[in-house]
C-alpha cells in the first residue's frame, strides 16, 4: 500500500516560537496559514507541520495523492482503499473515511505505543 507523502505534524504551544526555532535548523515555510495557527515547513526532503491548538499530540502524517512537495501525483492508493486494507488486517481505526465518498478524506489510527497516525488525502 502506498501511503503517499510523509511528514511529522507537531502539536506546538506557540506557533511563532516554533517557526523561529525550526527556521534556525534550516526549515523554510512553504505553506499553511499562521492566522489559522498552522504552518508547513520544509528542509530539503524533510517536511514538518506546526499546528497550534489543533492536536493533542504529535503525529505521523501521510498524504495519499501527493509527492514530497505536496504536488499531486498521477496514480496513488486512495485513502478509502488504504482503509479497507487496514481493516482487513485487523487494524482498529480511531476515525474513518466515508466509504461512499470520493476525493479528500482522512482516517486516524494509533500504533501500539499510542502514537497517532493520520492518513490525510487532499485530492
PDB file of N, CA and C in Angstrom:
ATOM      1  N   UNK A   1       0.849  -1.180   0.000  1.00  0.00           N
ATOM      2  CA  UNK A   1       0.000   0.000   0.000  1.00  0.00           C
ATOM      3  C   UNK A   1       0.889   1.235   0.000  1.00  0.00           C
ATOM      4  N   UNK A   2       0.557   2.188  -0.829  1.00  0.00           N
ATOM      5  CA  UNK A   2       1.313   3.435  -0.944  1.00  0.00           C
ATOM      6  C   UNK A   2       0.599   4.490  -0.109  1.00  0.00           C
ATOM      7  N   UNK A   3       1.241   4.945   0.948  1.00  0.00           N
ATOM      8  CA  UNK A   3       0.630   5.923   1.848  1.00  0.00           C
ATOM      9  C   UNK A   3       0.829   7.365   1.403  1.00  0.00           C
ATOM     10  N   UNK A   4       1.668   7.604   0.402  1.00  0.00           N
ATOM     11  CA  UNK A   4       1.876   8.963  -0.098  1.00  0.00           C
ATOM     12  C   UNK A   4       2.979   9.687   0.647  1.00  0.00           C
ATOM     13  N   UNK A   5       2.951  10.988   0.561  1.00  0.00           N
ATOM     14  CA  UNK A   5       3.979  11.835   1.161  1.00  0.00           C
ATOM     15  C   UNK A   5       3.958  11.698   2.680  1.00  0.00           C
ATOM     16  N   UNK A   6       5.133  11.767   3.289  1.00  0.00           N
ATOM     17  CA  UNK A   6       5.263  11.634   4.747  1.00  0.00           C
ATOM     18  C   UNK A   6       5.716  12.946   5.356  1.00  0.00           C
ATOM     19  N   UNK A   7       5.145  13.259   6.513  1.00  0.00           N
ATOM     20  CA  UNK A   7       5.611  14.384   7.315  1.00  0.00           C
ATOM     21  C   UNK A   7       5.299  14.102   8.773  1.00  0.00           C
ATOM     22  N   UNK A   8       5.842  14.928   9.637  1.00  0.00           N
ATOM     23  CA  UNK A   8       5.526  14.864  11.053  1.00  0.00           C
ATOM     24  C   UNK A   8       4.719  16.110  11.379  1.00  0.00           C
ATOM     25  N   UNK A   9       3.576  15.905  12.019  1.00  0.00           N
ATOM     26  CA  UNK A   9       2.726  17.017  12.441  1.00  0.00           C
ATOM     27  C   UNK A   9       2.969  17.253  13.924  1.00  0.00           C
ATOM     28  N   UNK A  10       3.479  18.427  14.246  1.00  0.00           N
ATOM     29  CA  UNK A  10       3.827  18.749  15.624  1.00  0.00           C
ATOM     30  C   UNK A  10       2.752  19.610  16.277  1.00  0.00           C
ATOM     31  N   UNK A  11       2.316  19.177  17.449  1.00  0.00           N
ATOM     32  CA  UNK A  11       1.381  19.963  18.251  1.00  0.00           C
ATOM     33  C   UNK A  11       2.225  20.959  19.045  1.00  0.00           C
ATOM     34  N   UNK A  12       2.197  22.219  18.639  1.00  0.00           N
ATOM     35  CA  UNK A  12       3.065  23.220  19.259  1.00  0.00           C
ATOM     36  C   UNK A  12       2.271  24.138  20.184  1.00  0.00           C
ATOM     37  N   UNK A  13       2.962  24.678  21.171  1.00  0.00           N
ATOM     38  CA  UNK A  13       2.325  25.595  22.120  1.00  0.00           C
ATOM     39  C   UNK A  13       2.310  27.024  21.611  1.00  0.00           C
ATOM     40  N   UNK A  14       3.357  27.379  20.833  1.00  0.00           N
ATOM     41  CA  UNK A  14       3.484  28.739  20.337  1.00  0.00           C
ATOM     42  C   UNK A  14       3.978  28.658  18.899  1.00  0.00           C
ATOM     43  N   UNK A  15       3.104  28.921  17.953  1.00  0.00           N
ATOM     44  CA  UNK A  15       3.417  28.772  16.535  1.00  0.00           C
ATOM     45  C   UNK A  15       4.619  29.628  16.128  1.00  0.00           C
ATOM     46  N   UNK A  16       4.646  30.856  16.542  1.00  0.00           N
ATOM     47  CA  UNK A  16       5.727  31.758  16.142  1.00  0.00           C
ATOM     48  C   UNK A  16       7.065  31.305  16.712  1.00  0.00           C
ATOM     49  N   UNK A  17       7.087  30.903  17.978  1.00  0.00           N
ATOM     50  CA  UNK A  17       8.331  30.433  18.589  1.00  0.00           C
ATOM     51  C   UNK A  17       8.819  29.159  17.895  1.00  0.00           C
ATOM     52  N   UNK A  18       7.907  28.269  17.555  1.00  0.00           N
ATOM     53  CA  UNK A  18       8.288  27.028  16.874  1.00  0.00           C
ATOM     54  C   UNK A  18       8.780  27.310  15.464  1.00  0.00           C
ATOM     55  N   UNK A  19       8.101  28.214  14.751  1.00  0.00           N
ATOM     56  CA  UNK A  19       8.547  28.589  13.405  1.00  0.00           C
ATOM     57  C   UNK A  19       9.970  29.131  13.456  1.00  0.00           C
ATOM     58  N   UNK A  20      10.225  30.048  14.387  1.00  0.00           N
ATOM     59  CA  UNK A  20      11.556  30.652  14.509  1.00  0.00           C
ATOM     60  C   UNK A  20      12.607  29.595  14.841  1.00  0.00           C
ATOM     61  N   UNK A  21      12.279  28.655  15.718  1.00  0.00           N
ATOM     62  CA  UNK A  21      13.223  27.606  16.084  1.00  0.00           C
ATOM     63  C   UNK A  21      13.568  26.737  14.877  1.00  0.00           C
ATOM     64  N   UNK A  22      12.550  26.249  14.160  1.00  0.00           N
ATOM     65  CA  UNK A  22      12.810  25.354  13.031  1.00  0.00           C
ATOM     66  C   UNK A  22      13.477  26.080  11.858  1.00  0.00           C
ATOM     67  N   UNK A  23      13.240  27.376  11.728  1.00  0.00           N
ATOM     68  CA  UNK A  23      13.961  28.121  10.700  1.00  0.00           C
ATOM     69  C   UNK A  23      15.453  28.174  11.014  1.00  0.00           C
ATOM     70  N   UNK A  24      15.820  28.179  12.295  1.00  0.00           N
ATOM     71  CA  UNK A  24      17.235  28.137  12.666  1.00  0.00           C
ATOM     72  C   UNK A  24      17.866  26.804  12.284  1.00  0.00           C
ATOM     73  N   UNK A  25      17.051  25.759  12.121  1.00  0.00           N
ATOM     74  CA  UNK A  25      17.533  24.451  11.677  1.00  0.00           C
ATOM     75  C   UNK A  25      17.514  24.326  10.156  1.00  0.00           C
ATOM     76  N   UNK A  26      17.166  25.419   9.467  1.00  0.00           N
ATOM     77  CA  UNK A  26      17.187  25.419   8.012  1.00  0.00           C
ATOM     78  C   UNK A  26      15.853  25.145   7.352  1.00  0.00           C
ATOM     79  N   UNK A  27      14.784  25.027   8.130  1.00  0.00           N
ATOM     80  CA  UNK A  27      13.457  24.824   7.540  1.00  0.00           C
ATOM     81  C   UNK A  27      12.918  26.159   7.032  1.00  0.00           C
ATOM     82  N   UNK A  28      12.178  26.100   5.934  1.00  0.00           N
ATOM     83  CA  UNK A  28      11.528  27.280   5.366  1.00  0.00           C
ATOM     84  C   UNK A  28      10.026  27.047   5.315  1.00  0.00           C
ATOM     85  N   UNK A  29       9.251  28.095   5.546  1.00  0.00           N
ATOM     86  CA  UNK A  29       7.797  27.999   5.452  1.00  0.00           C
ATOM     87  C   UNK A  29       7.420  27.826   3.986  1.00  0.00           C
ATOM     88  N   UNK A  30       6.671  26.770   3.688  1.00  0.00           N
ATOM     89  CA  UNK A  30       6.248  26.501   2.307  1.00  0.00           C
ATOM     90  C   UNK A  30       4.728  26.442   2.171  1.00  0.00           C
ATOM     91  N   UNK A  31       4.016  26.577   3.258  1.00  0.00           N
ATOM     92  CA  UNK A  31       2.557  26.524   3.192  1.00  0.00           C
ATOM     93  C   UNK A  31       1.945  26.780   4.549  1.00  0.00           C
ATOM     94  N   UNK A  32       0.637  26.722   4.557  1.00  0.00           N
ATOM     95  CA  UNK A  32      -0.097  26.933   5.794  1.00  0.00           C
ATOM     96  C   UNK A  32      -0.631  28.343   5.910  1.00  0.00           C
ATOM     97  N   UNK A  33      -1.150  28.652   7.083  1.00  0.00           N
ATOM     98  CA  UNK A  33      -1.754  29.953   7.348  1.00  0.00           C
ATOM     99  C   UNK A  33      -1.584  30.260   8.824  1.00  0.00           C
ATOM    100  N   UNK A  34      -0.653  31.123   9.150  1.00  0.00           N
ATOM    101  CA  UNK A  34      -0.378  31.455  10.544  1.00  0.00           C
ATOM    102  C   UNK A  34      -1.599  32.032  11.244  1.00  0.00           C
ATOM    103  N   UNK A  35      -2.488  32.720  10.509  1.00  0.00           N
ATOM    104  CA  UNK A  35      -3.692  33.270  11.134  1.00  0.00           C
ATOM    105  C   UNK A  35      -4.657  32.164  11.548  1.00  0.00           C
ATOM    106  N   UNK A  36      -4.470  30.971  10.969  1.00  0.00           N
ATOM    107  CA  UNK A  36      -5.284  29.809  11.358  1.00  0.00           C
ATOM    108  C   UNK A  36      -4.492  28.851  12.256  1.00  0.00           C
ATOM    109  N   UNK A  37      -3.322  29.288  12.700  1.00  0.00           N
ATOM    110  CA  UNK A  37      -2.474  28.547  13.641  1.00  0.00           C
ATOM    111  C   UNK A  37      -1.830  27.284  13.082  1.00  0.00           C
ATOM    112  N   UNK A  38      -1.469  27.308  11.791  1.00  0.00           N
ATOM    113  CA  UNK A  38      -0.734  26.168  11.237  1.00  0.00           C
ATOM    114  C   UNK A  38       0.181  26.610  10.119  1.00  0.00           C
ATOM    115  N   UNK A  39       1.355  25.955  10.051  1.00  0.00           N
ATOM    116  CA  UNK A  39       2.341  26.213   9.011  1.00  0.00           C
ATOM    117  C   UNK A  39       2.978  24.901   8.576  1.00  0.00           C
ATOM    118  N   UNK A  40       3.375  24.833   7.322  1.00  0.00           N
ATOM    119  CA  UNK A  40       4.125  23.699   6.796  1.00  0.00           C
ATOM    120  C   UNK A  40       5.534  24.204   6.483  1.00  0.00           C
ATOM    121  N   UNK A  41       6.540  23.486   6.962  1.00  0.00           N
ATOM    122  CA  UNK A  41       7.929  23.863   6.761  1.00  0.00           C
ATOM    123  C   UNK A  41       8.677  22.708   6.096  1.00  0.00           C
ATOM    124  N   UNK A  42       9.675  23.076   5.296  1.00  0.00           N
ATOM    125  CA  UNK A  42      10.454  22.058   4.597  1.00  0.00           C
ATOM    126  C   UNK A  42      11.932  22.421   4.647  1.00  0.00           C
ATOM    127  N   UNK A  43      12.736  21.374   4.789  1.00  0.00           N
ATOM    128  CA  UNK A  43      14.185  21.470   4.709  1.00  0.00           C
ATOM    129  C   UNK A  43      14.616  20.322   3.810  1.00  0.00           C
ATOM    130  N   UNK A  44      14.922  20.622   2.554  1.00  0.00           N
ATOM    131  CA  UNK A  44      15.246  19.563   1.596  1.00  0.00           C
ATOM    132  C   UNK A  44      14.049  18.657   1.399  1.00  0.00           C
ATOM    133  N   UNK A  45      14.232  17.365   1.655  1.00  0.00           N
ATOM    134  CA  UNK A  45      13.146  16.390   1.512  1.00  0.00           C
ATOM    135  C   UNK A  45      12.320  16.232   2.785  1.00  0.00           C
ATOM    136  N   UNK A  46      12.650  16.957   3.834  1.00  0.00           N
ATOM    137  CA  UNK A  46      12.013  16.781   5.137  1.00  0.00           C
ATOM    138  C   UNK A  46      10.913  17.830   5.341  1.00  0.00           C
ATOM    139  N   UNK A  47       9.734  17.344   5.692  1.00  0.00           N
ATOM    140  CA  UNK A  47       8.594  18.234   5.894  1.00  0.00           C
ATOM    141  C   UNK A  47       8.033  18.047   7.296  1.00  0.00           C
ATOM    142  N   UNK A  48       7.732  19.168   7.942  1.00  0.00           N
ATOM    143  CA  UNK A  48       7.040  19.147   9.229  1.00  0.00           C
ATOM    144  C   UNK A  48       5.878  20.126   9.165  1.00  0.00           C
ATOM    145  N   UNK A  49       4.845  19.816   9.909  1.00  0.00           N
ATOM    146  CA  UNK A  49       3.726  20.731  10.070  1.00  0.00           C
ATOM    147  C   UNK A  49       3.706  21.212  11.510  1.00  0.00           C
ATOM    148  N   UNK A  50       3.467  22.482  11.695  1.00  0.00           N
ATOM    149  CA  UNK A  50       3.332  23.062  13.034  1.00  0.00           C
ATOM    150  C   UNK A  50       1.869  23.422  13.225  1.00  0.00           C
ATOM    151  N   UNK A  51       1.254  22.874  14.257  1.00  0.00           N
ATOM    152  CA  UNK A  51      -0.181  23.067  14.487  1.00  0.00           C
ATOM    153  C   UNK A  51      -0.408  23.477  15.930  1.00  0.00           C
ATOM    154  N   UNK A  52      -0.844  24.715  16.122  1.00  0.00           N
ATOM    155  CA  UNK A  52      -1.092  25.218  17.472  1.00  0.00           C
ATOM    156  C   UNK A  52      -2.569  25.051  17.809  1.00  0.00           C
ATOM    157  N   UNK A  53      -2.854  24.295  18.859  1.00  0.00           N
ATOM    158  CA  UNK A  53      -4.224  24.134  19.336  1.00  0.00           C
ATOM    159  C   UNK A  53      -5.099  23.227  18.494  1.00  0.00           C
ATOM    160  N   UNK A  54      -4.538  22.454  17.585  1.00  0.00           N
ATOM    161  CA  UNK A  54      -5.336  21.589  16.710  1.00  0.00           C
ATOM    162  C   UNK A  54      -5.266  20.127  17.103  1.00  0.00           C
ATOM    163  N   UNK A  55      -4.133  19.684  17.642  1.00  0.00           N
ATOM    164  CA  UNK A  55      -3.931  18.287  18.001  1.00  0.00           C
ATOM    165  C   UNK A  55      -3.450  18.203  19.438  1.00  0.00           C
ATOM    166  N   UNK A  56      -3.762  17.087  20.105  1.00  0.00           N
ATOM    167  CA  UNK A  56      -3.288  16.863  21.462  1.00  0.00           C
ATOM    168  C   UNK A  56      -1.849  16.380  21.497  1.00  0.00           C
ATOM    169  N   UNK A  57      -1.457  15.638  20.441  1.00  0.00           N
ATOM    170  CA  UNK A  57      -0.132  15.022  20.418  1.00  0.00           C
ATOM    171  C   UNK A  57       0.496  15.192  19.049  1.00  0.00           C
ATOM    172  N   UNK A  58       1.803  15.030  19.001  1.00  0.00           N
ATOM    173  CA  UNK A  58       2.496  14.957  17.720  1.00  0.00           C
ATOM    174  C   UNK A  58       2.011  13.702  16.997  1.00  0.00           C
ATOM    175  N   UNK A  59       2.020  13.732  15.663  1.00  0.00           N
ATOM    176  CA  UNK A  59       1.606  12.545  14.924  1.00  0.00           C
ATOM    177  C   UNK A  59       2.341  12.418  13.605  1.00  0.00           C
ATOM    178  N   UNK A  60       2.388  11.172  13.146  1.00  0.00           N
ATOM    179  CA  UNK A  60       2.898  10.890  11.815  1.00  0.00           C
ATOM    180  C   UNK A  60       1.781  11.200  10.836  1.00  0.00           C
ATOM    181  N   UNK A  61       2.113  11.779   9.703  1.00  0.00           N
ATOM    182  CA  UNK A  61       1.100  12.131   8.709  1.00  0.00           C
ATOM    183  C   UNK A  61       1.521  11.605   7.344  1.00  0.00           C
ATOM    184  N   UNK A  62       0.563  10.997   6.659  1.00  0.00           N
ATOM    185  CA  UNK A  62       0.764  10.528   5.291  1.00  0.00           C
ATOM    186  C   UNK A  62      -0.303  11.169   4.421  1.00  0.00           C
ATOM    187  N   UNK A  63       0.082  11.586   3.217  1.00  0.00           N
ATOM    188  CA  UNK A  63      -0.838  12.248   2.294  1.00  0.00           C
ATOM    189  C   UNK A  63      -0.900  11.498   0.966  1.00  0.00           C
ATOM    190  N   UNK A  64      -1.848  10.558   0.832  1.00  0.00           N
ATOM    191  CA  UNK A  64      -2.022   9.881  -0.458  1.00  0.00           C
ATOM    192  C   UNK A  64      -2.354  10.905  -1.547  1.00  0.00           C
ATOM    193  N   UNK A  65      -1.781  10.708  -2.724  1.00  0.00           N
ATOM    194  CA  UNK A  65      -2.057  11.608  -3.839  1.00  0.00           C
ATOM    195  C   UNK A  65      -1.094  12.760  -3.974  1.00  0.00           C
ATOM    196  N   UNK A  66      -0.161  12.880  -3.019  1.00  0.00           N
ATOM    197  CA  UNK A  66       0.834  13.946  -3.059  1.00  0.00           C
ATOM    198  C   UNK A  66       2.231  13.367  -3.113  1.00  0.00           C
ATOM    199  N   UNK A  67       3.152  14.104  -3.762  1.00  0.00           N
ATOM    200  CA  UNK A  67       4.559  13.758  -3.649  1.00  0.00           C
ATOM    201  C   UNK A  67       5.133  14.542  -2.464  1.00  0.00           C
ATOM    202  N   UNK A  68       6.441  14.444  -2.246  1.00  0.00           N
ATOM    203  CA  UNK A  68       7.050  15.077  -1.072  1.00  0.00           C
ATOM    204  C   UNK A  68       6.993  16.596  -1.071  1.00  0.00           C
ATOM    205  N   UNK A  69       6.635  17.209  -2.215  1.00  0.00           N
ATOM    206  CA  UNK A  69       6.497  18.666  -2.267  1.00  0.00           C
ATOM    207  C   UNK A  69       5.031  19.098  -2.262  1.00  0.00           C
ATOM    208  N   UNK A  70       4.134  18.174  -1.965  1.00  0.00           N
ATOM    209  CA  UNK A  70       2.685  18.412  -1.933  1.00  0.00           C
ATOM    210  C   UNK A  70       2.100  18.657  -3.318  1.00  0.00           C
ATOM    211  N   UNK A  71       2.792  18.190  -4.347  1.00  0.00           N
ATOM    212  CA  UNK A  71       2.258  18.264  -5.714  1.00  0.00           C
ATOM    213  C   UNK A  71       1.467  16.987  -5.982  1.00  0.00           C
ATOM    214  N   UNK A  72       0.323  17.113  -6.656  1.00  0.00           N
ATOM    215  CA  UNK A  72      -0.472  15.914  -6.961  1.00  0.00           C
ATOM    216  C   UNK A  72       0.300  14.932  -7.844  1.00  0.00           C
ATOM    217  N   UNK A  73       0.073  13.646  -7.597  1.00  0.00           N
ATOM    218  CA  UNK A  73       0.679  12.591  -8.412  1.00  0.00           C
ATOM    219  C   UNK A  73      -0.405  11.957  -9.275  1.00  0.00           C
ATOM    220  N   UNK A  74       0.001  11.352 -10.384  1.00  0.00           N
ATOM    221  CA  UNK A  74      -0.967  10.773 -11.321  1.00  0.00           C
ATOM    222  C   UNK A  74      -1.676   9.556 -10.762  1.00  0.00           C
ATOM    223  N   UNK A  75      -0.944   8.659 -10.136  1.00  0.00           N
ATOM    224  CA  UNK A  75      -1.566   7.460  -9.582  1.00  0.00           C
ATOM    225  C   UNK A  75      -1.203   7.334  -8.112  1.00  0.00           C
ATOM    226  N   UNK A  76      -2.158   6.892  -7.316  1.00  0.00           N
ATOM    227  CA  UNK A  76      -1.947   6.719  -5.884  1.00  0.00           C
ATOM    228  C   UNK A  76      -3.024   5.807  -5.329  1.00  0.00           C
ATOM    229  N   UNK A  77      -2.789   5.296  -4.135  1.00  0.00           N
ATOM    230  CA  UNK A  77      -3.774   4.471  -3.439  1.00  0.00           C
ATOM    231  C   UNK A  77      -4.721   5.389  -2.679  1.00  0.00           C
ATOM    232  N   UNK A  78      -5.982   5.371  -3.031  1.00  0.00           N
ATOM    233  CA  UNK A  78      -7.000   6.207  -2.387  1.00  0.00           C
ATOM    234  C   UNK A  78      -7.113   5.852  -0.899  1.00  0.00           C
ATOM    235  N   UNK A  79      -7.374   6.846  -0.077  1.00  0.00           N
ATOM    236  CA  UNK A  79      -7.472   6.650   1.364  1.00  0.00           C
ATOM    237  C   UNK A  79      -8.528   5.601   1.726  1.00  0.00           C
ATOM    238  N   UNK A  80      -9.594   5.502   0.947  1.00  0.00           N
ATOM    239  CA  UNK A  80     -10.624   4.500   1.244  1.00  0.00           C
ATOM    240  C   UNK A  80     -10.108   3.080   0.982  1.00  0.00           C
ATOM    241  N   UNK A  81      -9.233   2.923  -0.021  1.00  0.00           N
ATOM    242  CA  UNK A  81      -8.615   1.619  -0.271  1.00  0.00           C
ATOM    243  C   UNK A  81      -7.621   1.286   0.837  1.00  0.00           C
ATOM    244  N   UNK A  82      -6.870   2.264   1.273  1.00  0.00           N
ATOM    245  CA  UNK A  82      -5.959   2.065   2.405  1.00  0.00           C
ATOM    246  C   UNK A  82      -6.763   1.631   3.617  1.00  0.00           C
ATOM    247  N   UNK A  83      -7.875   2.277   3.846  1.00  0.00           N
ATOM    248  CA  UNK A  83      -8.745   1.952   4.970  1.00  0.00           C
ATOM    249  C   UNK A  83      -9.232   0.509   4.882  1.00  0.00           C
ATOM    250  N   UNK A  84      -9.682   0.093   3.706  1.00  0.00           N
ATOM    251  CA  UNK A  84     -10.150  -1.291   3.532  1.00  0.00           C
ATOM    252  C   UNK A  84      -9.026  -2.286   3.824  1.00  0.00           C
ATOM    253  N   UNK A  85      -7.826  -1.990   3.339  1.00  0.00           N
ATOM    254  CA  UNK A  85      -6.694  -2.887   3.569  1.00  0.00           C
ATOM    255  C   UNK A  85      -6.328  -2.955   5.050  1.00  0.00           C
ATOM    256  N   UNK A  86      -6.332  -1.833   5.727  1.00  0.00           N
ATOM    257  CA  UNK A  86      -6.022  -1.822   7.153  1.00  0.00           C
ATOM    258  C   UNK A  86      -7.060  -2.606   7.947  1.00  0.00           C
ATOM    259  N   UNK A  87      -8.319  -2.362   7.661  1.00  0.00           N
ATOM    260  CA  UNK A  87      -9.385  -3.070   8.375  1.00  0.00           C
ATOM    261  C   UNK A  87      -9.329  -4.571   8.112  1.00  0.00           C
ATOM    262  N   UNK A  88      -8.965  -4.955   6.896  1.00  0.00           N
ATOM    263  CA  UNK A  88      -8.873  -6.381   6.546  1.00  0.00           C
ATOM    264  C   UNK A  88      -7.777  -7.090   7.349  1.00  0.00           C
ATOM    265  N   UNK A  89      -6.777  -6.337   7.792  1.00  0.00           N
ATOM    266  CA  UNK A  89      -5.707  -6.935   8.587  1.00  0.00           C
ATOM    267  C   UNK A  89      -5.961  -6.794  10.087  1.00  0.00           C
ATOM    268  N   UNK A  90      -7.113  -6.243  10.452  1.00  0.00           N
ATOM    269  CA  UNK A  90      -7.482  -6.138  11.857  1.00  0.00           C
ATOM    270  C   UNK A  90      -7.047  -4.871  12.554  1.00  0.00           C
ATOM    271  N   UNK A  91      -6.559  -3.898  11.809  1.00  0.00           N
ATOM    272  CA  UNK A  91      -6.147  -2.636  12.417  1.00  0.00           C
ATOM    273  C   UNK A  91      -7.389  -1.845  12.821  1.00  0.00           C
ATOM    274  N   UNK A  92      -7.416  -1.407  14.085  1.00  0.00           N
ATOM    275  CA  UNK A  92      -8.526  -0.610  14.583  1.00  0.00           C
ATOM    276  C   UNK A  92      -8.306   0.854  14.202  1.00  0.00           C
ATOM    277  N   UNK A  93      -9.327   1.480  13.641  1.00  0.00           N
ATOM    278  CA  UNK A  93      -9.246   2.885  13.244  1.00  0.00           C
ATOM    279  C   UNK A  93      -9.963   3.752  14.270  1.00  0.00           C
ATOM    280  N   UNK A  94      -9.358   4.880  14.585  1.00  0.00           N
ATOM    281  CA  UNK A  94      -9.960   5.835  15.526  1.00  0.00           C
ATOM    282  C   UNK A  94     -10.976   6.723  14.822  1.00  0.00           C
ATOM    283  N   UNK A  95     -10.728   7.012  13.547  1.00  0.00           N
ATOM    284  CA  UNK A  95     -11.710   7.707  12.707  1.00  0.00           C
ATOM    285  C   UNK A  95     -11.551   7.144  11.310  1.00  0.00           C
ATOM    286  N   UNK A  96     -12.632   7.193  10.543  1.00  0.00           N
ATOM    287  CA  UNK A  96     -12.642   6.572   9.229  1.00  0.00           C
ATOM    288  C   UNK A  96     -13.104   7.546   8.154  1.00  0.00           C
ATOM    289  N   UNK A  97     -12.656   7.269   6.925  1.00  0.00           N
ATOM    290  CA  UNK A  97     -13.134   7.991   5.753  1.00  0.00           C
ATOM    291  C   UNK A  97     -14.496   7.418   5.382  1.00  0.00           C
ATOM    292  N   UNK A  98     -15.349   8.244   4.833  1.00  0.00           N
ATOM    293  CA  UNK A  98     -16.660   7.805   4.361  1.00  0.00           C
ATOM    294  C   UNK A  98     -16.458   6.969   3.103  1.00  0.00           C
ATOM    295  N   UNK A  99     -16.790   5.688   3.180  1.00  0.00           N
ATOM    296  CA  UNK A  99     -16.591   4.767   2.052  1.00  0.00           C
ATOM    297  C   UNK A  99     -17.405   5.168   0.821  1.00  0.00           C
ATOM    298  N   UNK A 100     -18.492   5.901   1.013  1.00  0.00           N
ATOM    299  CA  UNK A 100     -19.352   6.287  -0.104  1.00  0.00           C
ATOM    300  C   UNK A 100     -18.874   7.567  -0.788  1.00  0.00           C
ATOM    301  N   UNK A 101     -17.841   8.188  -0.232  1.00  0.00           N
ATOM    302  CA  UNK A 101     -17.357   9.459  -0.784  1.00  0.00           C
ATOM    303  C   UNK A 101     -16.224   9.216  -1.769  1.00  0.00           C
ATOM    304  N   UNK A 102     -15.789  10.313  -2.382  1.00  0.00           N
ATOM    305  CA  UNK A 102     -14.594  10.296  -3.216  1.00  0.00           C
ATOM    306  C   UNK A 102     -13.855  11.606  -2.961  1.00  0.00           C
ATOM    307  N   UNK A 103     -12.601  11.666  -3.392  1.00  0.00           N
ATOM    308  CA  UNK A 103     -11.826  12.885  -3.191  1.00  0.00           C
ATOM    309  C   UNK A 103     -11.262  12.973  -1.788  1.00  0.00           C
ATOM    310  N   UNK A 104     -11.110  14.188  -1.274  1.00  0.00           N
ATOM    311  CA  UNK A 104     -10.480  14.375   0.031  1.00  0.00           C
ATOM    312  C   UNK A 104     -11.193  13.608   1.145  1.00  0.00           C
ATOM    313  N   UNK A 105     -10.385  12.980   1.996  1.00  0.00           N
ATOM    314  CA  UNK A 105     -10.898  12.242   3.155  1.00  0.00           C
ATOM    315  C   UNK A 105      -9.705  11.869   4.023  1.00  0.00           C
ATOM    316  N   UNK A 106      -9.992  11.416   5.231  1.00  0.00           N
ATOM    317  CA  UNK A 106      -8.898  11.040   6.125  1.00  0.00           C
ATOM    318  C   UNK A 106      -9.318   9.916   7.053  1.00  0.00           C
ATOM    319  N   UNK A 107      -8.314   9.321   7.676  1.00  0.00           N
ATOM    320  CA  UNK A 107      -8.523   8.323   8.712  1.00  0.00           C
ATOM    321  C   UNK A 107      -7.422   8.492   9.734  1.00  0.00           C
ATOM    322  N   UNK A 108      -7.670   7.987  10.940  1.00  0.00           N
ATOM    323  CA  UNK A 108      -6.677   8.044  12.003  1.00  0.00           C
ATOM    324  C   UNK A 108      -6.599   6.672  12.656  1.00  0.00           C
ATOM    325  N   UNK A 109      -5.371   6.229  12.888  1.00  0.00           N
ATOM    326  CA  UNK A 109      -5.129   5.015  13.653  1.00  0.00           C
ATOM    327  C   UNK A 109      -4.062   5.332  14.686  1.00  0.00           C
ATOM    328  N   UNK A 110      -3.855   4.416  15.623  1.00  0.00           N
ATOM    329  CA  UNK A 110      -2.876   4.623  16.683  1.00  0.00           C
ATOM    330  C   UNK A 110      -1.985   3.390  16.735  1.00  0.00           C
ATOM    331  N   UNK A 111      -0.670   3.618  16.797  1.00  0.00           N
ATOM    332  CA  UNK A 111       0.257   2.489  16.853  1.00  0.00           C
ATOM    333  C   UNK A 111       0.257   1.885  18.269  1.00  0.00           C
ATOM    334  N   UNK A 112       0.920   0.747  18.476  1.00  0.00           N
ATOM    335  CA  UNK A 112       0.892   0.087  19.780  1.00  0.00           C
ATOM    336  C   UNK A 112       1.423   0.927  20.940  1.00  0.00           C
ATOM    337  N   UNK A 113       2.204   1.962  20.643  1.00  0.00           N
ATOM    338  CA  UNK A 113       2.725   2.826  21.697  1.00  0.00           C
ATOM    339  C   UNK A 113       1.893   4.084  21.910  1.00  0.00           C
ATOM    340  N   UNK A 114       0.754   4.170  21.255  1.00  0.00           N
ATOM    341  CA  UNK A 114      -0.139   5.308  21.428  1.00  0.00           C
ATOM    342  C   UNK A 114       0.134   6.478  20.519  1.00  0.00           C
ATOM    343  N   UNK A 115       1.006   6.318  19.532  1.00  0.00           N
ATOM    344  CA  UNK A 115       1.309   7.398  18.598  1.00  0.00           C
ATOM    345  C   UNK A 115       0.232   7.475  17.513  1.00  0.00           C
ATOM    346  N   UNK A 116      -0.416   8.609  17.378  1.00  0.00           N
ATOM    347  CA  UNK A 116      -1.429   8.732  16.331  1.00  0.00           C
ATOM    348  C   UNK A 116      -0.803   8.829  14.941  1.00  0.00           C
ATOM    349  N   UNK A 117      -1.494   8.245  13.970  1.00  0.00           N
ATOM    350  CA  UNK A 117      -1.084   8.286  12.574  1.00  0.00           C
ATOM    351  C   UNK A 117      -2.263   8.795  11.775  1.00  0.00           C
ATOM    352  N   UNK A 118      -2.073   9.890  11.054  1.00  0.00           N
ATOM    353  CA  UNK A 118      -3.099  10.499  10.216  1.00  0.00           C
ATOM    354  C   UNK A 118      -2.801  10.180   8.763  1.00  0.00           C
ATOM    355  N   UNK A 119      -3.794   9.618   8.066  1.00  0.00           N
ATOM    356  CA  UNK A 119      -3.702   9.433   6.621  1.00  0.00           C
ATOM    357  C   UNK A 119      -4.702  10.431   6.046  1.00  0.00           C
ATOM    358  N   UNK A 120      -4.194  11.499   5.456  1.00  0.00           N
ATOM    359  CA  UNK A 120      -4.990  12.670   5.098  1.00  0.00           C
ATOM    360  C   UNK A 120      -4.848  12.961   3.613  1.00  0.00           C
ATOM    361  N   UNK A 121      -5.860  12.590   2.857  1.00  0.00           N
ATOM    362  CA  UNK A 121      -5.848  12.769   1.403  1.00  0.00           C
ATOM    363  C   UNK A 121      -6.521  14.095   1.049  1.00  0.00           C
ATOM    364  N   UNK A 122      -5.825  14.927   0.288  1.00  0.00           N
ATOM    365  CA  UNK A 122      -6.344  16.249  -0.096  1.00  0.00           C
ATOM    366  C   UNK A 122      -6.827  16.321  -1.529  1.00  0.00           C
ATOM    367  N   UNK A 123      -6.652  15.259  -2.311  1.00  0.00           N
ATOM    368  CA  UNK A 123      -7.050  15.260  -3.722  1.00  0.00           C
ATOM    369  C   UNK A 123      -8.161  14.269  -3.968  1.00  0.00           C
TER     370      UNK A 123
END
